[in-house]
Amino acid sequence: MVKRKDVVKLFKAEGFAIVPGTNHDKLVHPDGRWTTLGRHAEINDRLFKEMKKQAGLK
């Protein structure tokens, strides 16, 4: 499990911005890449891996 604040920190370091939504936040990069982020305190490792893959990160 990865803490939500650590996920946000990683994506912000890569240039993503947070766009708030009703139930989920969207992490958007200026070049068009994006992924969604739920409002949970911890993110499952498998989901975190999929988020990075969707956003084009290693």
PDB file of N, CA and C in Angstrom:
ATOM      1  N   MET A   1       0.831  -1.179   0.000  1.00  0.00           N
ATOM      2  CA  MET A   1       0.000   0.000   0.000  1.00  0.00           C
ATOM      3  C   MET A   1       0.881   1.250   0.000  1.00  0.00           C
ATOM      4  N   VAL A   2       0.474   2.222  -0.779  1.00  0.00           N
ATOM      5  CA  VAL A   2       1.204   3.481  -0.906  1.00  0.00           C
ATOM      6  C   VAL A   2       0.304   4.595  -0.397  1.00  0.00           C
ATOM      7  N   LYS A   3       0.855   5.477   0.397  1.00  0.00           N
ATOM      8  CA  LYS A   3       0.062   6.592   0.903  1.00  0.00           C
ATOM      9  C   LYS A   3      -0.296   7.556  -0.229  1.00  0.00           C
ATOM     10  N   ARG A   4      -1.510   8.097  -0.171  1.00  0.00           N
ATOM     11  CA  ARG A   4      -2.005   8.989  -1.217  1.00  0.00           C
ATOM     12  C   ARG A   4      -1.086  10.202  -1.389  1.00  0.00           C
ATOM     13  N   LYS A   5      -0.601  10.749  -0.275  1.00  0.00           N
ATOM     14  CA  LYS A   5       0.255  11.930  -0.367  1.00  0.00           C
ATOM     15  C   LYS A   5       1.561  11.627  -1.103  1.00  0.00           C
ATOM     16  N   ASP A   6       2.067  10.386  -0.985  1.00  0.00           N
ATOM     17  CA  ASP A   6       3.279  10.004  -1.699  1.00  0.00           C
ATOM     18  C   ASP A   6       3.014   9.869  -3.202  1.00  0.00           C
ATOM     19  N   VAL A   7       1.815   9.375  -3.546  1.00  0.00           N
ATOM     20  CA  VAL A   7       1.426   9.273  -4.957  1.00  0.00           C
ATOM     21  C   VAL A   7       1.342  10.671  -5.562  1.00  0.00           C
ATOM     22  N   VAL A   8       0.698  11.585  -4.855  1.00  0.00           N
ATOM     23  CA  VAL A   8       0.560  12.965  -5.339  1.00  0.00           C
ATOM     24  C   VAL A   8       1.933  13.610  -5.489  1.00  0.00           C
ATOM     25  N   LYS A   9       2.810  13.386  -4.524  1.00  0.00           N
ATOM     26  CA  LYS A   9       4.166  13.953  -4.556  1.00  0.00           C
ATOM     27  C   LYS A   9       4.933  13.470  -5.791  1.00  0.00           C
ATOM     28  N   LEU A  10       4.835  12.165  -6.102  1.00  0.00           N
ATOM     29  CA  LEU A  10       5.520  11.593  -7.257  1.00  0.00           C
ATOM     30  C   LEU A  10       5.010  12.214  -8.557  1.00  0.00           C
ATOM     31  N   PHE A  11       3.683  12.270  -8.702  1.00  0.00           N
ATOM     32  CA  PHE A  11       3.117  12.794  -9.937  1.00  0.00           C
ATOM     33  C   PHE A  11       3.393  14.298 -10.100  1.00  0.00           C
ATOM     34  N   LYS A  12       3.352  15.050  -9.010  1.00  0.00           N
ATOM     35  CA  LYS A  12       3.676  16.487  -9.089  1.00  0.00           C
ATOM     36  C   LYS A  12       5.128  16.691  -9.497  1.00  0.00           C
ATOM     37  N   ALA A  13       6.018  15.831  -9.015  1.00  0.00           N
ATOM     38  CA  ALA A  13       7.434  15.928  -9.375  1.00  0.00           C
ATOM     39  C   ALA A  13       7.637  15.665 -10.864  1.00  0.00           C
ATOM     40  N   GLU A  14       6.740  14.886 -11.464  1.00  0.00           N
ATOM     41  CA  GLU A  14       6.817  14.585 -12.902  1.00  0.00           C
ATOM     42  C   GLU A  14       6.089  15.622 -13.748  1.00  0.00           C
ATOM     43  N   GLY A  15       5.511  16.648 -13.119  1.00  0.00           N
ATOM     44  CA  GLY A  15       4.879  17.733 -13.858  1.00  0.00           C
ATOM     45  C   GLY A  15       3.370  17.648 -13.972  1.00  0.00           C
ATOM     46  N   PHE A  16       2.740  16.714 -13.249  1.00  0.00           N
ATOM     47  CA  PHE A  16       1.289  16.571 -13.295  1.00  0.00           C
ATOM     48  C   PHE A  16       0.628  17.574 -12.359  1.00  0.00           C
ATOM     49  N   ALA A  17      -0.571  18.004 -12.713  1.00  0.00           N
ATOM     50  CA  ALA A  17      -1.366  18.892 -11.873  1.00  0.00           C
ATOM     51  C   ALA A  17      -2.620  18.145 -11.442  1.00  0.00           C
ATOM     52  N   ILE A  18      -3.156  18.508 -10.288  1.00  0.00           N
ATOM     53  CA  ILE A  18      -4.369  17.867  -9.781  1.00  0.00           C
ATOM     54  C   ILE A  18      -5.580  18.682 -10.211  1.00  0.00           C
ATOM     55  N   VAL A  19      -6.542  17.997 -10.839  1.00  0.00           N
ATOM     56  CA  VAL A  19      -7.814  18.607 -11.197  1.00  0.00           C
ATOM     57  C   VAL A  19      -8.860  17.923 -10.319  1.00  0.00           C
ATOM     58  N   PRO A  20      -9.427  18.655  -9.354  1.00  0.00           N
ATOM     59  CA  PRO A  20     -10.375  18.022  -8.441  1.00  0.00           C
ATOM     60  C   PRO A  20     -11.680  17.638  -9.133  1.00  0.00           C
ATOM     61  N   GLY A  21     -12.255  16.546  -8.683  1.00  0.00           N
ATOM     62  CA  GLY A  21     -13.536  16.083  -9.189  1.00  0.00           C
ATOM     63  C   GLY A  21     -14.452  15.761  -8.022  1.00  0.00           C
ATOM     64  N   THR A  22     -15.611  15.219  -8.312  1.00  0.00           N
ATOM     65  CA  THR A  22     -16.576  14.911  -7.274  1.00  0.00           C
ATOM     66  C   THR A  22     -16.121  13.742  -6.405  1.00  0.00           C
ATOM     67  N   ASN A  23     -15.810  12.612  -7.020  1.00  0.00           N
ATOM     68  CA  ASN A  23     -15.406  11.423  -6.266  1.00  0.00           C
ATOM     69  C   ASN A  23     -13.946  11.055  -6.451  1.00  0.00           C
ATOM     70  N   HIS A  24     -13.342  11.500  -7.536  1.00  0.00           N
ATOM     71  CA  HIS A  24     -11.943  11.212  -7.840  1.00  0.00           C
ATOM     72  C   HIS A  24     -11.271  12.507  -8.272  1.00  0.00           C
ATOM     73  N   ASP A  25      -9.958  12.548  -8.112  1.00  0.00           N
ATOM     74  CA  ASP A  25      -9.168  13.647  -8.662  1.00  0.00           C
ATOM     75  C   ASP A  25      -8.518  13.139  -9.930  1.00  0.00           C
ATOM     76  N   LYS A  26      -8.218  14.049 -10.835  1.00  0.00           N
ATOM     77  CA  LYS A  26      -7.558  13.688 -12.084  1.00  0.00           C
ATOM     78  C   LYS A  26      -6.162  14.292 -12.051  1.00  0.00           C
ATOM     79  N   LEU A  27      -5.163  13.501 -12.371  1.00  0.00           N
ATOM     80  CA  LEU A  27      -3.787  13.986 -12.471  1.00  0.00           C
ATOM     81  C   LEU A  27      -3.506  14.191 -13.953  1.00  0.00           C
ATOM     82  N   VAL A  28      -3.285  15.447 -14.342  1.00  0.00           N
ATOM     83  CA  VAL A  28      -3.162  15.805 -15.751  1.00  0.00           C
ATOM     84  C   VAL A  28      -1.796  16.421 -16.015  1.00  0.00           C
ATOM     85  N   HIS A  29      -1.159  15.969 -17.093  1.00  0.00           N
ATOM     86  CA  HIS A  29       0.137  16.508 -17.524  1.00  0.00           C
ATOM     87  C   HIS A  29      -0.119  17.469 -18.684  1.00  0.00           C
ATOM     88  N   PRO A  30       0.680  18.519 -18.827  1.00  0.00           N
ATOM     89  CA  PRO A  30       0.483  19.470 -19.926  1.00  0.00           C
ATOM     90  C   PRO A  30       0.521  18.844 -21.327  1.00  0.00           C
ATOM     91  N   ASP A  31       1.204  17.704 -21.487  1.00  0.00           N
ATOM     92  CA  ASP A  31       1.270  17.086 -22.814  1.00  0.00           C
ATOM     93  C   ASP A  31       0.065  16.184 -23.115  1.00  0.00           C
ATOM     94  N   GLY A  32      -0.894  16.122 -22.188  1.00  0.00           N
ATOM     95  CA  GLY A  32      -2.120  15.379 -22.439  1.00  0.00           C
ATOM     96  C   GLY A  32      -2.269  14.071 -21.695  1.00  0.00           C
ATOM     97  N   ARG A  33      -1.205  13.579 -21.083  1.00  0.00           N
ATOM     98  CA  ARG A  33      -1.309  12.336 -20.317  1.00  0.00           C
ATOM     99  C   ARG A  33      -2.130  12.593 -19.057  1.00  0.00           C
ATOM    100  N   TRP A  34      -2.876  11.585 -18.597  1.00  0.00           N
ATOM    101  CA  TRP A  34      -3.655  11.744 -17.382  1.00  0.00           C
ATOM    102  C   TRP A  34      -3.977  10.392 -16.759  1.00  0.00           C
ATOM    103  N   THR A  35      -4.354  10.429 -15.501  1.00  0.00           N
ATOM    104  CA  THR A  35      -4.837   9.264 -14.782  1.00  0.00           C
ATOM    105  C   THR A  35      -5.745   9.751 -13.658  1.00  0.00           C
ATOM    106  N   THR A  36      -6.555   8.870 -13.109  1.00  0.00           N
ATOM    107  CA  THR A  36      -7.441   9.260 -12.022  1.00  0.00           C
ATOM    108  C   THR A  36      -6.881   8.782 -10.691  1.00  0.00           C
ATOM    109  N   LEU A  37      -7.248   9.486  -9.636  1.00  0.00           N
ATOM    110  CA  LEU A  37      -6.777   9.178  -8.289  1.00  0.00           C
ATOM    111  C   LEU A  37      -7.965   9.239  -7.344  1.00  0.00           C
ATOM    112  N   GLY A  38      -8.287   8.116  -6.720  1.00  0.00           N
ATOM    113  CA  GLY A  38      -9.379   8.068  -5.759  1.00  0.00           C
ATOM    114  C   GLY A  38      -9.027   8.820  -4.490  1.00  0.00           C
ATOM    115  N   ARG A  39     -10.032   9.077  -3.687  1.00  0.00           N
ATOM    116  CA  ARG A  39      -9.807   9.828  -2.451  1.00  0.00           C
ATOM    117  C   ARG A  39      -9.679   8.898  -1.248  1.00  0.00           C
ATOM    118  N   HIS A  40      -8.782   7.940  -1.356  1.00  0.00           N
ATOM    119  CA  HIS A  40      -8.517   7.008  -0.262  1.00  0.00           C
ATOM    120  C   HIS A  40      -7.189   7.383   0.384  1.00  0.00           C
ATOM    121  N   ALA A  41      -7.033   7.052   1.658  1.00  0.00           N
ATOM    122  CA  ALA A  41      -5.795   7.373   2.374  1.00  0.00           C
ATOM    123  C   ALA A  41      -4.615   6.574   1.837  1.00  0.00           C
ATOM    124  N   GLU A  42      -4.887   5.341   1.397  1.00  0.00           N
ATOM    125  CA  GLU A  42      -3.829   4.492   0.855  1.00  0.00           C
ATOM    126  C   GLU A  42      -4.277   3.913  -0.473  1.00  0.00           C
ATOM    127  N   ILE A  43      -3.316   3.763  -1.386  1.00  0.00           N
ATOM    128  CA  ILE A  43      -3.562   3.244  -2.724  1.00  0.00           C
ATOM    129  C   ILE A  43      -2.918   1.858  -2.820  1.00  0.00           C
ATOM    130  N   ASN A  44      -3.659   0.900  -3.311  1.00  0.00           N
ATOM    131  CA  ASN A  44      -3.166  -0.460  -3.496  1.00  0.00           C
ATOM    132  C   ASN A  44      -1.970  -0.444  -4.449  1.00  0.00           C
ATOM    133  N   ASP A  45      -0.959  -1.278  -4.194  1.00  0.00           N
ATOM    134  CA  ASP A  45       0.243  -1.324  -5.032  1.00  0.00           C
ATOM    135  C   ASP A  45      -0.081  -1.619  -6.494  1.00  0.00           C
ATOM    136  N   ARG A  46      -0.999  -2.531  -6.707  1.00  0.00           N
ATOM    137  CA  ARG A  46      -1.375  -2.901  -8.078  1.00  0.00           C
ATOM    138  C   ARG A  46      -2.021  -1.724  -8.813  1.00  0.00           C
ATOM    139  N   LEU A  47      -2.892  -1.006  -8.121  1.00  0.00           N
ATOM    140  CA  LEU A  47      -3.536   0.165  -8.712  1.00  0.00           C
ATOM    141  C   LEU A  47      -2.499   1.252  -8.997  1.00  0.00           C
ATOM    142  N   PHE A  48      -1.562   1.443  -8.071  1.00  0.00           N
ATOM    143  CA  PHE A  48      -0.514   2.441  -8.259  1.00  0.00           C
ATOM    144  C   PHE A  48       0.327   2.126  -9.493  1.00  0.00           C
ATOM    145  N   LYS A  49       0.635   0.845  -9.685  1.00  0.00           N
ATOM    146  CA  LYS A  49       1.397   0.422 -10.859  1.00  0.00           C
ATOM    147  C   LYS A  49       0.617   0.734 -12.141  1.00  0.00           C
ATOM    148  N   GLU A  50      -0.678   0.475 -12.136  1.00  0.00           N
ATOM    149  CA  GLU A  50      -1.522   0.758 -13.307  1.00  0.00           C
ATOM    150  C   GLU A  50      -1.628   2.256 -13.572  1.00  0.00           C
ATOM    151  N   MET A  51      -1.692   3.055 -12.517  1.00  0.00           N
ATOM    152  CA  MET A  51      -1.752   4.513 -12.669  1.00  0.00           C
ATOM    153  C   MET A  51      -0.486   5.025 -13.343  1.00  0.00           C
ATOM    154  N   LYS A  52       0.674   4.523 -12.893  1.00  0.00           N
ATOM    155  CA  LYS A  52       1.936   4.945 -13.486  1.00  0.00           C
ATOM    156  C   LYS A  52       2.021   4.516 -14.954  1.00  0.00           C
ATOM    157  N   LYS A  53       1.554   3.317 -15.251  1.00  0.00           N
ATOM    158  CA  LYS A  53       1.567   2.814 -16.619  1.00  0.00           C
ATOM    159  C   LYS A  53       0.674   3.669 -17.512  1.00  0.00           C
ATOM    160  N   GLN A  54      -0.531   3.998 -17.028  1.00  0.00           N
ATOM    161  CA  GLN A  54      -1.466   4.814 -17.794  1.00  0.00           C
ATOM    162  C   GLN A  54      -0.897   6.210 -18.057  1.00  0.00           C
ATOM    163  N   ALA A  55      -0.141   6.737 -17.089  1.00  0.00           N
ATOM    164  CA  ALA A  55       0.412   8.077 -17.210  1.00  0.00           C
ATOM    165  C   ALA A  55       1.750   8.087 -17.942  1.00  0.00           C
ATOM    166  N   GLY A  56       2.275   6.916 -18.289  1.00  0.00           N
ATOM    167  CA  GLY A  56       3.533   6.845 -19.016  1.00  0.00           C
ATOM    168  C   GLY A  56       4.759   6.992 -18.149  1.00  0.00           C
ATOM    169  N   LEU A  57       4.656   6.632 -16.888  1.00  0.00           N
ATOM    170  CA  LEU A  57       5.800   6.685 -15.976  1.00  0.00           C
ATOM    171  C   LEU A  57       6.321   5.281 -15.725  1.00  0.00           C
ATOM    172  N   LYS A  58       7.574   5.164 -15.276  1.00  0.00           N
ATOM    173  CA  LYS A  58       8.150   3.862 -14.962  1.00  0.00           C
ATOM    174  C   LYS A  58       7.858   3.458 -13.551  1.00  0.00           C
TER     175      LYS A  58
END
